[in-house]
Amino acid sequence: MDWFHQFRTDENQALKDFYRLYRKDCLAFIKRKFGLSQEDAIDVFQNSVLILYHNTATGKLTQLSSDLKPYLYGIIRLKALEYARSISRTIYPEDLQTTLASIPDSPVAEESGLVTLLKALLPKLGTACRHLLEMFYYKEMSISEIAKGSDYSGTDSVKTQKYKCMKKLQTMILEHISIKGREI
């Protein structure tokens, strides 16, 4: 079907037809690939269809060598990753920092999903990162105390390394969420 022609001649009907045709497959793809809930998957799909429509209506997209489906999937991928980044901002820094600081004190019966996940991921983080994060969050050492008592060249070096370790942990959490298809 020539969607470009359809969007130009009867945009409302073309949008309805396009939406109905691709909705089911796209929602399954979004939920499977990115582990989003049904509601979040619908939001990502709807935003992606609107972007595709806007690109065709404004002339930014006038033709493709194949169907619009791969183009739509590309938009979906970008929107889903953008959504995942927004979720990660919600996790960081307060929730994760608070949880990291409370790991040793959490009774096993009352562990949250994030505590359990962190206990599983921290050993995989690497000795240097794990040690740095434990000093900062569990032992509540300041950046300058960590710099003085370790091989770091200064406080800026500790801050940079702490940031890198947190980003690595954040990536591991997001990968776990997308693989397991569930939220913390």
N, C-alpha and C. Protein backbone atom coordinates (compact mmCIF):
# COMPACT_ATOMS: atom_id res chain seq x y z
N MET A 1 0.85 -1.19 0.00
CA MET A 1 0.00 0.00 0.00
C MET A 1 0.89 1.25 0.00
N ASP A 2 0.48 2.24 -0.71
CA ASP A 2 1.22 3.50 -0.78
C ASP A 2 0.72 4.44 0.33
N TRP A 3 1.40 4.33 1.48
CA TRP A 3 0.98 5.13 2.64
C TRP A 3 1.18 6.62 2.40
N PHE A 4 2.19 6.99 1.64
CA PHE A 4 2.43 8.41 1.37
C PHE A 4 1.22 9.01 0.66
N HIS A 5 0.70 8.30 -0.31
CA HIS A 5 -0.48 8.76 -1.04
C HIS A 5 -1.69 8.79 -0.12
N GLN A 6 -1.84 7.74 0.68
CA GLN A 6 -2.98 7.68 1.60
C GLN A 6 -2.94 8.83 2.62
N PHE A 7 -1.76 9.12 3.15
CA PHE A 7 -1.66 10.21 4.13
C PHE A 7 -2.00 11.56 3.50
N ARG A 8 -1.68 11.72 2.22
CA ARG A 8 -1.98 12.99 1.54
C ARG A 8 -3.45 13.11 1.16
N THR A 9 -4.10 11.99 0.79
CA THR A 9 -5.48 12.08 0.29
C THR A 9 -6.52 12.01 1.40
N ASP A 10 -6.34 11.11 2.36
CA ASP A 10 -7.32 10.98 3.45
C ASP A 10 -6.57 10.66 4.73
N GLU A 11 -6.00 11.70 5.32
CA GLU A 11 -5.10 11.48 6.45
C GLU A 11 -5.76 10.80 7.64
N ASN A 12 -7.01 11.15 7.96
CA ASN A 12 -7.66 10.53 9.12
C ASN A 12 -7.84 9.04 8.92
N GLN A 13 -8.37 8.65 7.78
CA GLN A 13 -8.58 7.23 7.52
C GLN A 13 -7.25 6.50 7.40
N ALA A 14 -6.28 7.13 6.78
CA ALA A 14 -4.96 6.51 6.63
C ALA A 14 -4.32 6.27 8.00
N LEU A 15 -4.42 7.23 8.90
CA LEU A 15 -3.88 7.06 10.25
C LEU A 15 -4.59 5.92 10.98
N LYS A 16 -5.91 5.86 10.87
CA LYS A 16 -6.67 4.77 11.52
C LYS A 16 -6.23 3.42 10.96
N ASP A 17 -6.14 3.32 9.64
CA ASP A 17 -5.76 2.06 9.01
C ASP A 17 -4.34 1.66 9.40
N PHE A 18 -3.44 2.61 9.35
CA PHE A 18 -2.03 2.35 9.69
C PHE A 18 -1.93 1.90 11.14
N TYR A 19 -2.62 2.60 12.02
CA TYR A 19 -2.61 2.29 13.45
C TYR A 19 -3.11 0.87 13.69
N ARG A 20 -4.25 0.53 13.10
CA ARG A 20 -4.83 -0.80 13.28
C ARG A 20 -3.94 -1.90 12.72
N LEU A 21 -3.33 -1.63 11.57
CA LEU A 21 -2.51 -2.63 10.90
C LEU A 21 -1.27 -2.99 11.71
N TYR A 22 -0.62 -2.01 12.30
CA TYR A 22 0.67 -2.25 12.96
C TYR A 22 0.61 -2.32 14.48
N ARG A 23 -0.50 -1.96 15.08
CA ARG A 23 -0.60 -1.85 16.53
C ARG A 23 -0.21 -3.13 17.26
N LYS A 24 -0.83 -4.24 16.93
CA LYS A 24 -0.61 -5.49 17.66
C LYS A 24 0.84 -5.94 17.59
N ASP A 25 1.42 -5.97 16.39
CA ASP A 25 2.81 -6.40 16.23
C ASP A 25 3.77 -5.47 16.95
N CYS A 26 3.51 -4.19 16.83
CA CYS A 26 4.42 -3.20 17.44
C CYS A 26 4.37 -3.27 18.96
N LEU A 27 3.18 -3.43 19.52
CA LEU A 27 3.07 -3.51 20.98
C LEU A 27 3.79 -4.76 21.49
N ALA A 28 3.63 -5.86 20.79
CA ALA A 28 4.33 -7.10 21.19
C ALA A 28 5.84 -6.89 21.11
N PHE A 29 6.30 -6.25 20.06
CA PHE A 29 7.73 -5.96 19.90
C PHE A 29 8.25 -5.08 21.04
N ILE A 30 7.53 -4.03 21.36
CA ILE A 30 7.95 -3.09 22.40
C ILE A 30 8.02 -3.79 23.76
N LYS A 31 7.00 -4.56 24.07
CA LYS A 31 6.97 -5.24 25.37
C LYS A 31 8.06 -6.31 25.45
N ARG A 32 8.28 -7.05 24.37
CA ARG A 32 9.29 -8.11 24.37
C ARG A 32 10.69 -7.54 24.38
N LYS A 33 10.96 -6.57 23.52
CA LYS A 33 12.32 -6.06 23.35
C LYS A 33 12.74 -5.11 24.47
N PHE A 34 11.81 -4.31 24.98
CA PHE A 34 12.18 -3.28 25.95
C PHE A 34 11.57 -3.50 27.33
N GLY A 35 10.73 -4.53 27.47
CA GLY A 35 10.17 -4.87 28.77
C GLY A 35 9.23 -3.83 29.34
N LEU A 36 8.56 -3.09 28.48
CA LEU A 36 7.65 -2.06 28.97
C LEU A 36 6.27 -2.64 29.26
N SER A 37 5.54 -1.97 30.13
CA SER A 37 4.17 -2.38 30.43
C SER A 37 3.29 -2.10 29.22
N GLN A 38 2.09 -2.64 29.24
CA GLN A 38 1.14 -2.42 28.14
C GLN A 38 0.88 -0.92 27.93
N GLU A 39 0.66 -0.20 29.02
CA GLU A 39 0.37 1.24 28.92
C GLU A 39 1.55 2.02 28.35
N ASP A 40 2.74 1.70 28.83
CA ASP A 40 3.93 2.38 28.33
C ASP A 40 4.20 2.03 26.87
N ALA A 41 3.95 0.77 26.52
CA ALA A 41 4.13 0.35 25.13
C ALA A 41 3.16 1.09 24.22
N ILE A 42 1.94 1.27 24.67
CA ILE A 42 0.94 2.01 23.88
C ILE A 42 1.40 3.45 23.69
N ASP A 43 1.91 4.08 24.76
CA ASP A 43 2.41 5.46 24.65
C ASP A 43 3.54 5.56 23.64
N VAL A 44 4.49 4.62 23.71
CA VAL A 44 5.62 4.63 22.78
C VAL A 44 5.11 4.44 21.35
N PHE A 45 4.20 3.50 21.16
CA PHE A 45 3.66 3.24 19.82
C PHE A 45 2.93 4.46 19.28
N GLN A 46 2.06 5.06 20.08
CA GLN A 46 1.30 6.22 19.62
C GLN A 46 2.22 7.39 19.27
N ASN A 47 3.20 7.64 20.11
CA ASN A 47 4.15 8.71 19.82
C ASN A 47 4.92 8.43 18.54
N SER A 48 5.28 7.18 18.33
CA SER A 48 6.03 6.80 17.13
C SER A 48 5.19 6.97 15.87
N VAL A 49 3.91 6.59 15.93
CA VAL A 49 3.02 6.78 14.78
C VAL A 49 2.85 8.26 14.48
N LEU A 50 2.72 9.06 15.52
CA LEU A 50 2.58 10.51 15.30
C LEU A 50 3.85 11.10 14.68
N ILE A 51 5.00 10.65 15.10
CA ILE A 51 6.25 11.12 14.51
C ILE A 51 6.33 10.72 13.04
N LEU A 52 5.98 9.47 12.75
CA LEU A 52 5.99 9.00 11.37
C LEU A 52 5.03 9.84 10.53
N TYR A 53 3.82 10.05 11.03
CA TYR A 53 2.84 10.86 10.30
C TYR A 53 3.37 12.29 10.10
N HIS A 54 3.92 12.87 11.14
CA HIS A 54 4.46 14.23 11.03
C HIS A 54 5.56 14.30 9.97
N ASN A 55 6.42 13.30 9.96
CA ASN A 55 7.51 13.28 8.97
C ASN A 55 6.98 13.16 7.55
N THR A 56 5.90 12.42 7.35
CA THR A 56 5.32 12.32 6.01
C THR A 56 4.54 13.58 5.65
N ALA A 57 3.81 14.13 6.62
CA ALA A 57 2.99 15.31 6.35
C ALA A 57 3.83 16.55 6.06
N THR A 58 4.97 16.66 6.70
CA THR A 58 5.82 17.85 6.50
C THR A 58 6.77 17.69 5.32
N GLY A 59 6.77 16.51 4.71
CA GLY A 59 7.65 16.28 3.57
C GLY A 59 9.04 15.84 3.93
N LYS A 60 9.31 15.64 5.20
CA LYS A 60 10.61 15.16 5.64
C LYS A 60 10.85 13.75 5.12
N LEU A 61 9.77 12.97 5.03
CA LEU A 61 9.83 11.61 4.52
C LEU A 61 8.88 11.53 3.33
N THR A 62 9.41 11.33 2.15
CA THR A 62 8.57 11.29 0.95
C THR A 62 8.55 9.94 0.28
N GLN A 63 9.58 9.13 0.50
CA GLN A 63 9.60 7.80 -0.08
C GLN A 63 10.59 6.92 0.67
N LEU A 64 10.34 5.63 0.58
CA LEU A 64 11.22 4.63 1.17
C LEU A 64 11.43 3.51 0.16
N SER A 65 12.52 2.80 0.31
CA SER A 65 12.77 1.67 -0.60
C SER A 65 11.94 0.45 -0.21
N SER A 66 11.39 0.46 0.98
CA SER A 66 10.55 -0.66 1.43
C SER A 66 9.31 -0.09 2.11
N ASP A 67 8.62 -0.93 2.82
CA ASP A 67 7.42 -0.54 3.55
C ASP A 67 7.77 0.42 4.70
N LEU A 68 6.75 1.06 5.24
CA LEU A 68 6.97 1.97 6.37
C LEU A 68 7.26 1.23 7.69
N LYS A 69 6.98 -0.06 7.75
CA LYS A 69 7.13 -0.79 9.00
C LYS A 69 8.55 -0.72 9.56
N PRO A 70 9.61 -0.96 8.77
CA PRO A 70 10.97 -0.84 9.34
C PRO A 70 11.28 0.59 9.83
N TYR A 71 10.77 1.56 9.11
CA TYR A 71 10.96 2.95 9.53
C TYR A 71 10.26 3.19 10.87
N LEU A 72 9.03 2.68 10.98
CA LEU A 72 8.28 2.80 12.23
C LEU A 72 9.01 2.11 13.37
N TYR A 73 9.54 0.91 13.13
CA TYR A 73 10.28 0.19 14.16
C TYR A 73 11.52 0.97 14.61
N GLY A 74 12.15 1.67 13.68
CA GLY A 74 13.29 2.51 14.05
C GLY A 74 12.88 3.63 14.99
N ILE A 75 11.76 4.25 14.69
CA ILE A 75 11.25 5.32 15.57
C ILE A 75 10.89 4.73 16.93
N ILE A 76 10.23 3.58 16.92
CA ILE A 76 9.83 2.91 18.17
C ILE A 76 11.07 2.63 19.02
N ARG A 77 12.10 2.13 18.39
CA ARG A 77 13.32 1.81 19.12
C ARG A 77 13.88 3.05 19.81
N LEU A 78 13.96 4.15 19.08
CA LEU A 78 14.47 5.39 19.65
C LEU A 78 13.59 5.90 20.79
N LYS A 79 12.27 5.84 20.59
CA LYS A 79 11.34 6.32 21.63
C LYS A 79 11.39 5.42 22.87
N ALA A 80 11.51 4.11 22.68
CA ALA A 80 11.58 3.19 23.81
C ALA A 80 12.88 3.40 24.59
N LEU A 81 13.98 3.62 23.89
CA LEU A 81 15.25 3.89 24.57
C LEU A 81 15.19 5.22 25.32
N GLU A 82 14.55 6.20 24.71
CA GLU A 82 14.36 7.50 25.37
C GLU A 82 13.53 7.31 26.64
N TYR A 83 12.50 6.49 26.56
CA TYR A 83 11.68 6.22 27.73
C TYR A 83 12.49 5.50 28.81
N ALA A 84 13.30 4.53 28.40
CA ALA A 84 14.15 3.80 29.35
C ALA A 84 15.10 4.75 30.05
N ARG A 85 15.66 5.71 29.32
CA ARG A 85 16.54 6.71 29.95
C ARG A 85 15.77 7.55 30.96
N SER A 86 14.53 7.88 30.64
CA SER A 86 13.76 8.69 31.59
C SER A 86 13.45 7.89 32.85
N ILE A 87 13.25 6.58 32.71
CA ILE A 87 13.04 5.72 33.88
C ILE A 87 14.31 5.69 34.72
N SER A 88 15.46 5.59 34.05
CA SER A 88 16.72 5.50 34.79
C SER A 88 16.97 6.77 35.57
N ARG A 89 16.51 7.89 35.06
CA ARG A 89 16.66 9.13 35.82
C ARG A 89 15.80 9.09 37.07
N THR A 90 14.68 8.40 36.99
CA THR A 90 13.83 8.25 38.16
C THR A 90 14.51 7.39 39.21
N ILE A 91 15.22 6.35 38.77
CA ILE A 91 15.92 5.48 39.70
C ILE A 91 17.08 6.21 40.36
N TYR A 92 17.78 7.06 39.60
CA TYR A 92 18.95 7.75 40.11
C TYR A 92 18.62 9.17 40.43
N PRO A 93 19.28 9.76 41.34
CA PRO A 93 20.24 9.18 42.24
C PRO A 93 19.64 8.77 43.58
N GLU A 94 18.54 9.38 43.99
CA GLU A 94 18.06 9.20 45.36
C GLU A 94 17.70 7.75 45.69
N ASP A 95 16.85 7.12 44.87
CA ASP A 95 16.39 5.77 45.20
C ASP A 95 17.55 4.79 45.25
N LEU A 96 18.41 4.83 44.27
CA LEU A 96 19.50 3.87 44.22
C LEU A 96 20.52 4.15 45.32
N GLN A 97 20.84 5.41 45.54
CA GLN A 97 21.81 5.74 46.58
C GLN A 97 21.28 5.33 47.95
N THR A 98 20.01 5.57 48.20
CA THR A 98 19.41 5.18 49.47
C THR A 98 19.43 3.67 49.62
N THR A 99 19.11 2.97 48.54
CA THR A 99 19.10 1.52 48.60
C THR A 99 20.50 0.96 48.78
N LEU A 100 21.49 1.52 48.09
CA LEU A 100 22.86 1.06 48.25
C LEU A 100 23.31 1.22 49.70
N ALA A 101 22.94 2.33 50.30
CA ALA A 101 23.35 2.58 51.68
C ALA A 101 22.67 1.63 52.66
N SER A 102 21.52 1.09 52.29
CA SER A 102 20.76 0.26 53.23
C SER A 102 20.92 -1.23 53.01
N ILE A 103 21.68 -1.67 52.04
CA ILE A 103 21.77 -3.09 51.73
C ILE A 103 22.15 -3.95 52.94
N PRO A 104 23.23 -3.67 53.65
CA PRO A 104 23.59 -4.57 54.75
C PRO A 104 22.57 -4.61 55.89
N ASP A 105 21.78 -3.55 56.05
CA ASP A 105 20.84 -3.47 57.15
C ASP A 105 19.46 -4.02 56.81
N SER A 106 19.23 -4.40 55.55
CA SER A 106 17.89 -4.85 55.15
C SER A 106 17.63 -6.28 55.57
N PRO A 107 16.58 -6.51 56.34
CA PRO A 107 16.22 -7.88 56.66
C PRO A 107 15.82 -8.62 55.39
N VAL A 108 16.21 -9.89 55.29
CA VAL A 108 15.96 -10.66 54.08
C VAL A 108 14.48 -10.71 53.75
N ALA A 109 13.63 -10.85 54.72
CA ALA A 109 12.20 -10.97 54.48
C ALA A 109 11.60 -9.70 53.91
N GLU A 110 12.23 -8.56 54.16
CA GLU A 110 11.67 -7.28 53.76
C GLU A 110 12.40 -6.64 52.58
N GLU A 111 13.25 -7.38 51.90
CA GLU A 111 14.01 -6.81 50.81
C GLU A 111 13.10 -6.39 49.67
N SER A 112 13.38 -5.22 49.13
CA SER A 112 12.65 -4.77 47.95
C SER A 112 13.28 -5.42 46.73
N GLY A 113 12.59 -5.30 45.62
CA GLY A 113 13.13 -5.85 44.37
C GLY A 113 14.44 -5.21 44.00
N LEU A 114 14.60 -3.93 44.28
CA LEU A 114 15.84 -3.23 43.94
C LEU A 114 16.99 -3.72 44.80
N VAL A 115 16.74 -3.96 46.08
CA VAL A 115 17.80 -4.46 46.97
C VAL A 115 18.25 -5.84 46.49
N THR A 116 17.31 -6.69 46.18
CA THR A 116 17.63 -8.03 45.69
C THR A 116 18.44 -7.95 44.40
N LEU A 117 18.00 -7.10 43.51
CA LEU A 117 18.70 -6.93 42.24
C LEU A 117 20.11 -6.39 42.46
N LEU A 118 20.26 -5.41 43.35
CA LEU A 118 21.58 -4.85 43.63
C LEU A 118 22.51 -5.89 44.24
N LYS A 119 21.99 -6.72 45.11
CA LYS A 119 22.82 -7.77 45.71
C LYS A 119 23.31 -8.74 44.64
N ALA A 120 22.49 -8.97 43.63
CA ALA A 120 22.90 -9.87 42.55
C ALA A 120 23.88 -9.20 41.60
N LEU A 121 23.72 -7.90 41.37
CA LEU A 121 24.54 -7.20 40.38
C LEU A 121 25.86 -6.67 40.94
N LEU A 122 25.92 -6.32 42.21
CA LEU A 122 27.14 -5.74 42.77
C LEU A 122 28.37 -6.64 42.60
N PRO A 123 28.28 -7.94 42.81
CA PRO A 123 29.47 -8.78 42.59
C PRO A 123 29.93 -8.77 41.13
N LYS A 124 29.02 -8.54 40.20
CA LYS A 124 29.36 -8.51 38.78
C LYS A 124 29.93 -7.16 38.36
N LEU A 125 29.85 -6.19 39.23
CA LEU A 125 30.28 -4.82 38.92
C LEU A 125 31.79 -4.70 38.84
N GLY A 126 32.50 -5.54 39.54
CA GLY A 126 33.95 -5.44 39.58
C GLY A 126 34.40 -4.96 40.95
N THR A 127 35.56 -5.41 41.35
CA THR A 127 36.06 -5.14 42.71
C THR A 127 36.25 -3.65 42.96
N ALA A 128 36.88 -2.95 42.03
CA ALA A 128 37.18 -1.53 42.24
C ALA A 128 35.90 -0.71 42.38
N CYS A 129 34.97 -0.92 41.49
CA CYS A 129 33.71 -0.17 41.56
C CYS A 129 32.92 -0.53 42.82
N ARG A 130 32.83 -1.81 43.08
CA ARG A 130 32.08 -2.24 44.26
C ARG A 130 32.68 -1.64 45.53
N HIS A 131 34.01 -1.66 45.63
CA HIS A 131 34.69 -1.12 46.80
C HIS A 131 34.44 0.39 46.92
N LEU A 132 34.55 1.11 45.82
CA LEU A 132 34.32 2.56 45.83
C LEU A 132 32.89 2.87 46.27
N LEU A 133 31.91 2.18 45.70
CA LEU A 133 30.51 2.45 46.05
C LEU A 133 30.22 2.07 47.50
N GLU A 134 30.82 0.99 47.98
CA GLU A 134 30.63 0.60 49.38
C GLU A 134 31.21 1.65 50.32
N MET A 135 32.40 2.17 49.97
CA MET A 135 33.00 3.22 50.83
C MET A 135 32.11 4.44 50.88
N PHE A 136 31.59 4.84 49.72
CA PHE A 136 30.80 6.08 49.67
C PHE A 136 29.42 5.90 50.28
N TYR A 137 28.70 4.82 49.90
CA TYR A 137 27.31 4.68 50.33
C TYR A 137 27.15 3.92 51.64
N TYR A 138 27.88 2.84 51.82
CA TYR A 138 27.71 2.05 53.03
C TYR A 138 28.50 2.61 54.20
N LYS A 139 29.78 2.90 53.97
CA LYS A 139 30.61 3.43 55.04
C LYS A 139 30.46 4.93 55.18
N GLU A 140 29.75 5.54 54.24
CA GLU A 140 29.45 6.98 54.24
C GLU A 140 30.71 7.84 54.32
N MET A 141 31.75 7.40 53.61
CA MET A 141 32.98 8.19 53.55
C MET A 141 32.80 9.31 52.53
N SER A 142 33.42 10.45 52.81
CA SER A 142 33.34 11.56 51.86
C SER A 142 34.28 11.29 50.68
N ILE A 143 34.08 12.04 49.63
CA ILE A 143 34.94 11.92 48.44
C ILE A 143 36.40 12.18 48.80
N SER A 144 36.64 13.19 49.64
CA SER A 144 38.02 13.50 50.01
C SER A 144 38.63 12.40 50.88
N GLU A 145 37.84 11.80 51.77
CA GLU A 145 38.34 10.68 52.58
C GLU A 145 38.71 9.49 51.71
N ILE A 146 37.89 9.22 50.71
CA ILE A 146 38.18 8.12 49.79
C ILE A 146 39.45 8.41 49.01
N ALA A 147 39.61 9.65 48.56
CA ALA A 147 40.80 10.02 47.79
C ALA A 147 42.07 9.89 48.63
N LYS A 148 42.01 10.28 49.89
CA LYS A 148 43.18 10.20 50.76
C LYS A 148 43.56 8.76 51.09
N GLY A 149 42.57 7.92 51.29
CA GLY A 149 42.84 6.57 51.72
C GLY A 149 42.95 5.54 50.59
N SER A 150 43.12 5.99 49.37
CA SER A 150 43.20 5.04 48.25
C SER A 150 44.19 5.52 47.20
N ASP A 151 44.22 4.85 46.08
CA ASP A 151 45.18 5.15 45.02
C ASP A 151 44.71 6.23 44.06
N TYR A 152 43.61 6.89 44.35
CA TYR A 152 43.11 7.93 43.45
C TYR A 152 43.99 9.17 43.55
N SER A 153 44.10 9.88 42.43
CA SER A 153 44.99 11.05 42.39
C SER A 153 44.38 12.28 43.07
N GLY A 154 43.09 12.27 43.29
CA GLY A 154 42.45 13.40 43.95
C GLY A 154 40.94 13.23 43.97
N THR A 155 40.28 14.26 44.48
CA THR A 155 38.82 14.17 44.62
C THR A 155 38.12 14.12 43.25
N ASP A 156 38.65 14.83 42.27
CA ASP A 156 38.03 14.80 40.94
C ASP A 156 38.10 13.41 40.35
N SER A 157 39.19 12.72 40.58
CA SER A 157 39.35 11.36 40.10
C SER A 157 38.33 10.42 40.76
N VAL A 158 38.11 10.60 42.05
CA VAL A 158 37.13 9.78 42.78
C VAL A 158 35.73 10.07 42.24
N LYS A 159 35.40 11.36 42.07
CA LYS A 159 34.08 11.72 41.55
C LYS A 159 33.84 11.11 40.18
N THR A 160 34.85 11.19 39.31
CA THR A 160 34.73 10.64 37.96
C THR A 160 34.53 9.14 38.01
N GLN A 161 35.33 8.47 38.83
CA GLN A 161 35.22 7.02 38.92
C GLN A 161 33.89 6.60 39.53
N LYS A 162 33.43 7.32 40.53
CA LYS A 162 32.14 7.02 41.15
C LYS A 162 31.02 7.18 40.13
N TYR A 163 31.10 8.24 39.34
CA TYR A 163 30.11 8.47 38.28
C TYR A 163 30.11 7.30 37.29
N LYS A 164 31.29 6.88 36.86
CA LYS A 164 31.41 5.78 35.90
C LYS A 164 30.86 4.48 36.49
N CYS A 165 31.14 4.24 37.75
CA CYS A 165 30.64 3.03 38.40
C CYS A 165 29.12 3.06 38.50
N MET A 166 28.56 4.20 38.84
CA MET A 166 27.11 4.33 38.94
C MET A 166 26.47 4.14 37.56
N LYS A 167 27.07 4.69 36.53
CA LYS A 167 26.54 4.53 35.17
C LYS A 167 26.60 3.05 34.76
N LYS A 168 27.69 2.39 35.11
CA LYS A 168 27.82 0.96 34.80
C LYS A 168 26.74 0.16 35.52
N LEU A 169 26.51 0.46 36.78
CA LEU A 169 25.47 -0.22 37.55
C LEU A 169 24.09 0.09 36.98
N GLN A 170 23.88 1.32 36.60
CA GLN A 170 22.62 1.72 36.00
C GLN A 170 22.37 0.94 34.71
N THR A 171 23.38 0.81 33.89
CA THR A 171 23.26 0.05 32.64
C THR A 171 22.93 -1.41 32.94
N MET A 172 23.57 -1.97 33.93
CA MET A 172 23.30 -3.36 34.30
C MET A 172 21.85 -3.53 34.77
N ILE A 173 21.35 -2.55 35.52
CA ILE A 173 19.97 -2.60 36.00
C ILE A 173 19.01 -2.53 34.82
N LEU A 174 19.25 -1.59 33.91
CA LEU A 174 18.38 -1.44 32.74
C LEU A 174 18.41 -2.68 31.86
N GLU A 175 19.58 -3.29 31.69
CA GLU A 175 19.68 -4.52 30.91
C GLU A 175 18.89 -5.63 31.59
N HIS A 176 18.99 -5.71 32.89
CA HIS A 176 18.25 -6.73 33.64
C HIS A 176 16.75 -6.52 33.45
N ILE A 177 16.31 -5.28 33.54
CA ILE A 177 14.89 -4.99 33.39
C ILE A 177 14.42 -5.36 31.99
N SER A 178 15.19 -5.01 30.98
CA SER A 178 14.76 -5.31 29.61
C SER A 178 14.82 -6.79 29.31
N ILE A 179 15.76 -7.52 29.89
CA ILE A 179 15.84 -8.96 29.67
C ILE A 179 14.73 -9.68 30.42
N LYS A 180 14.53 -9.32 31.66
CA LYS A 180 13.51 -9.99 32.47
C LYS A 180 12.11 -9.49 32.16
N GLY A 181 12.01 -8.31 31.53
CA GLY A 181 10.71 -7.76 31.17
C GLY A 181 9.86 -7.38 32.36
N ARG A 182 10.51 -6.91 33.39
CA ARG A 182 9.74 -6.53 34.57
C ARG A 182 10.35 -5.30 35.20
N GLU A 183 9.53 -4.70 36.05
CA GLU A 183 10.01 -3.53 36.75
C GLU A 183 10.52 -3.93 38.11
N ILE A 184 11.29 -3.05 38.70
CA ILE A 184 11.84 -3.31 40.03
C ILE A 184 10.77 -3.04 41.06
